[in-house]
Amino acid sequence: MNFKQRLRLFLIGFIPGCIILFFIVNKTGCTSPNELKMLELQHQYLQLGEKAKCQLKCLVMIDKGFKVNIRNFQVNYDLSDVHKKPYGTYYLQAKDTKDARYEFVAEDRDTITFVNDLKLLGSEAANCPCDTIH
């Protein structure tokens, strides 16, 4: 068996294999664990603590706008405690740090995303009197 015959047999198996693989991967796609967790947090019911509600008033934002803005964040797993009992906590930071006005920790409570506190960045932090609320 010479090289041309081997190459022909190789291509007979390789080309259909690539076509089948293309259709399988095209349907499912690839997502990172960060993207999966962000999708989960976005689609759950959002519950805000009293301090978070006060800080949103300082930012002149309503809870629906806050929920829409979650898509501009990503999970920082270095600062998160995903194995915390009873609920894992995820530290969310803005993807684009230039436009970041706040960072926050979200608890993943099965079907609820609970936010108790926001870390205000820049000038918003100095003008907000919400530090007395616990």
Protein backbone atom coordinates (compact mmCIF):
# COMPACT_ATOMS: atom_id res chain seq x y z
CA MET A 1 0.00 0.00 0.00
CA ASN A 2 1.59 3.24 -1.12
CA PHE A 3 1.18 6.77 0.24
CA LYS A 4 -1.63 7.79 -2.15
CA GLN A 5 -3.78 4.83 -1.13
CA ARG A 6 -3.21 5.53 2.57
CA LEU A 7 -4.05 9.20 2.10
CA ARG A 8 -7.23 8.28 0.21
CA LEU A 9 -8.38 5.93 3.01
CA PHE A 10 -7.52 8.54 5.62
CA LEU A 11 -9.56 11.23 3.85
CA ILE A 12 -12.54 8.85 3.42
CA GLY A 13 -12.78 8.63 7.21
CA PHE A 14 -11.56 12.10 8.14
CA ILE A 15 -13.91 14.23 6.01
CA PRO A 16 -17.20 12.60 7.15
CA GLY A 17 -15.91 12.67 10.74
CA CYS A 18 -15.29 16.44 10.50
CA ILE A 19 -18.76 17.00 9.04
CA ILE A 20 -20.43 15.02 11.82
CA LEU A 21 -18.37 16.83 14.48
CA PHE A 22 -19.29 20.20 12.96
CA PHE A 23 -23.03 19.48 13.29
CA ILE A 24 -22.70 18.21 16.87
CA VAL A 25 -20.64 21.18 18.13
CA ASN A 26 -22.69 23.71 16.16
CA LYS A 27 -25.88 22.81 18.06
CA THR A 28 -24.52 22.84 21.59
CA GLY A 29 -21.80 25.46 21.46
CA CYS A 30 -19.24 26.03 24.18
CA THR A 31 -19.80 28.06 27.34
CA SER A 32 -17.50 28.67 30.27
CA PRO A 33 -18.51 28.05 33.90
CA ASN A 34 -18.52 31.83 34.41
CA GLU A 35 -21.07 32.33 31.62
CA LEU A 36 -23.25 29.50 32.93
CA LYS A 37 -23.32 30.95 36.47
CA MET A 38 -24.08 34.44 35.17
CA LEU A 39 -26.99 33.08 33.09
CA GLU A 40 -28.30 31.27 36.15
CA LEU A 41 -28.06 34.38 38.37
CA GLN A 42 -29.74 36.55 35.72
CA HIS A 43 -32.73 34.29 35.22
CA GLN A 44 -33.49 33.74 38.89
CA TYR A 45 -35.78 35.97 40.94
CA LEU A 46 -33.83 38.97 42.29
CA GLN A 47 -34.21 39.81 45.98
CA LEU A 48 -32.50 42.86 47.47
CA GLY A 49 -31.67 43.50 51.12
CA GLU A 50 -32.46 46.83 52.81
CA LYS A 51 -28.90 48.11 52.48
CA ALA A 52 -28.80 47.22 48.78
CA LYS A 53 -32.11 49.01 48.18
CA CYS A 54 -30.74 52.14 49.88
CA GLN A 55 -27.54 51.99 47.82
CA LEU A 56 -29.54 51.64 44.61
CA LYS A 57 -31.36 54.85 45.54
CA CYS A 58 -27.94 56.51 45.87
CA LEU A 59 -27.11 55.27 42.37
CA VAL A 60 -30.51 56.51 41.09
CA MET A 61 -31.39 53.04 39.85
CA ILE A 62 -34.39 50.76 40.27
CA ASP A 63 -34.20 47.02 40.89
CA LYS A 64 -35.31 46.17 37.34
CA GLY A 65 -32.46 48.25 35.92
CA PHE A 66 -30.10 46.57 38.35
CA LYS A 67 -31.21 43.14 37.15
CA VAL A 68 -30.68 44.15 33.51
CA ASN A 69 -27.17 45.43 34.35
CA ILE A 70 -26.16 42.06 35.80
CA ARG A 71 -25.34 40.91 32.27
CA ASN A 72 -22.43 43.40 32.26
CA PHE A 73 -20.80 41.61 35.19
CA GLN A 74 -18.65 38.54 35.60
CA VAL A 75 -17.88 36.27 38.55
CA ASN A 76 -14.53 36.73 40.28
CA TYR A 77 -13.96 33.24 41.65
CA ASP A 78 -10.89 34.35 43.64
CA LEU A 79 -13.11 36.49 45.89
CA SER A 80 -16.15 34.18 45.81
CA ASP A 81 -17.01 31.47 48.32
CA VAL A 82 -18.98 29.00 46.21
CA HIS A 83 -18.99 26.25 48.86
CA LYS A 84 -20.24 28.44 51.70
CA LYS A 85 -23.09 26.91 53.71
CA PRO A 86 -26.07 27.26 53.37
CA TYR A 87 -25.73 29.30 50.15
CA GLY A 88 -22.74 29.93 47.91
CA THR A 89 -21.68 33.55 47.43
CA TYR A 90 -20.39 34.96 44.17
CA TYR A 91 -18.44 38.22 43.94
CA LEU A 92 -19.51 40.01 40.76
CA GLN A 93 -17.36 42.65 39.09
CA ALA A 94 -17.98 44.68 35.95
CA LYS A 95 -16.50 43.31 32.73
CA ASP A 96 -15.38 46.81 31.76
CA THR A 97 -13.76 48.40 34.82
CA LYS A 98 -13.84 51.91 33.31
CA ASP A 99 -17.63 52.10 33.52
CA ALA A 100 -17.92 50.31 36.87
CA ARG A 101 -20.03 52.11 39.47
CA TYR A 102 -20.39 49.22 41.90
CA GLU A 103 -19.47 45.62 42.70
CA PHE A 104 -21.52 43.22 44.76
CA VAL A 105 -21.82 39.79 46.32
CA ALA A 106 -24.77 37.65 45.24
CA GLU A 107 -26.00 34.61 47.15
CA ASP A 108 -27.35 31.79 44.98
CA ARG A 109 -30.41 30.60 46.92
CA ASP A 110 -31.71 27.88 44.59
CA THR A 111 -34.28 29.99 42.67
CA ILE A 112 -33.42 33.38 44.20
CA THR A 113 -30.45 35.67 43.63
CA PHE A 114 -30.07 37.58 46.91
CA VAL A 115 -28.01 40.79 47.09
CA ASN A 116 -27.55 42.33 50.53
CA ASP A 117 -24.83 44.90 49.92
CA LEU A 118 -23.21 46.80 47.07
CA LYS A 119 -19.66 48.07 47.09
CA LEU A 120 -19.98 51.53 45.59
CA LEU A 121 -16.99 52.76 43.62
CA GLY A 122 -15.86 56.31 42.92
CA SER A 123 -17.84 59.39 43.93
CA GLU A 124 -21.03 57.42 44.65
CA ALA A 125 -19.44 55.92 47.78
CA ALA A 126 -18.82 59.32 49.40
CA ASN A 127 -22.36 60.62 48.83
CA CYS A 128 -24.31 57.58 50.11
CA PRO A 129 -25.47 57.49 53.76
CA CYS A 130 -26.41 53.79 53.70
CA ASP A 131 -23.51 52.49 55.82
CA THR A 132 -25.63 52.64 59.00
CA ILE A 133 -28.10 50.01 57.71
CA HIS A 134 -27.23 46.39 58.51
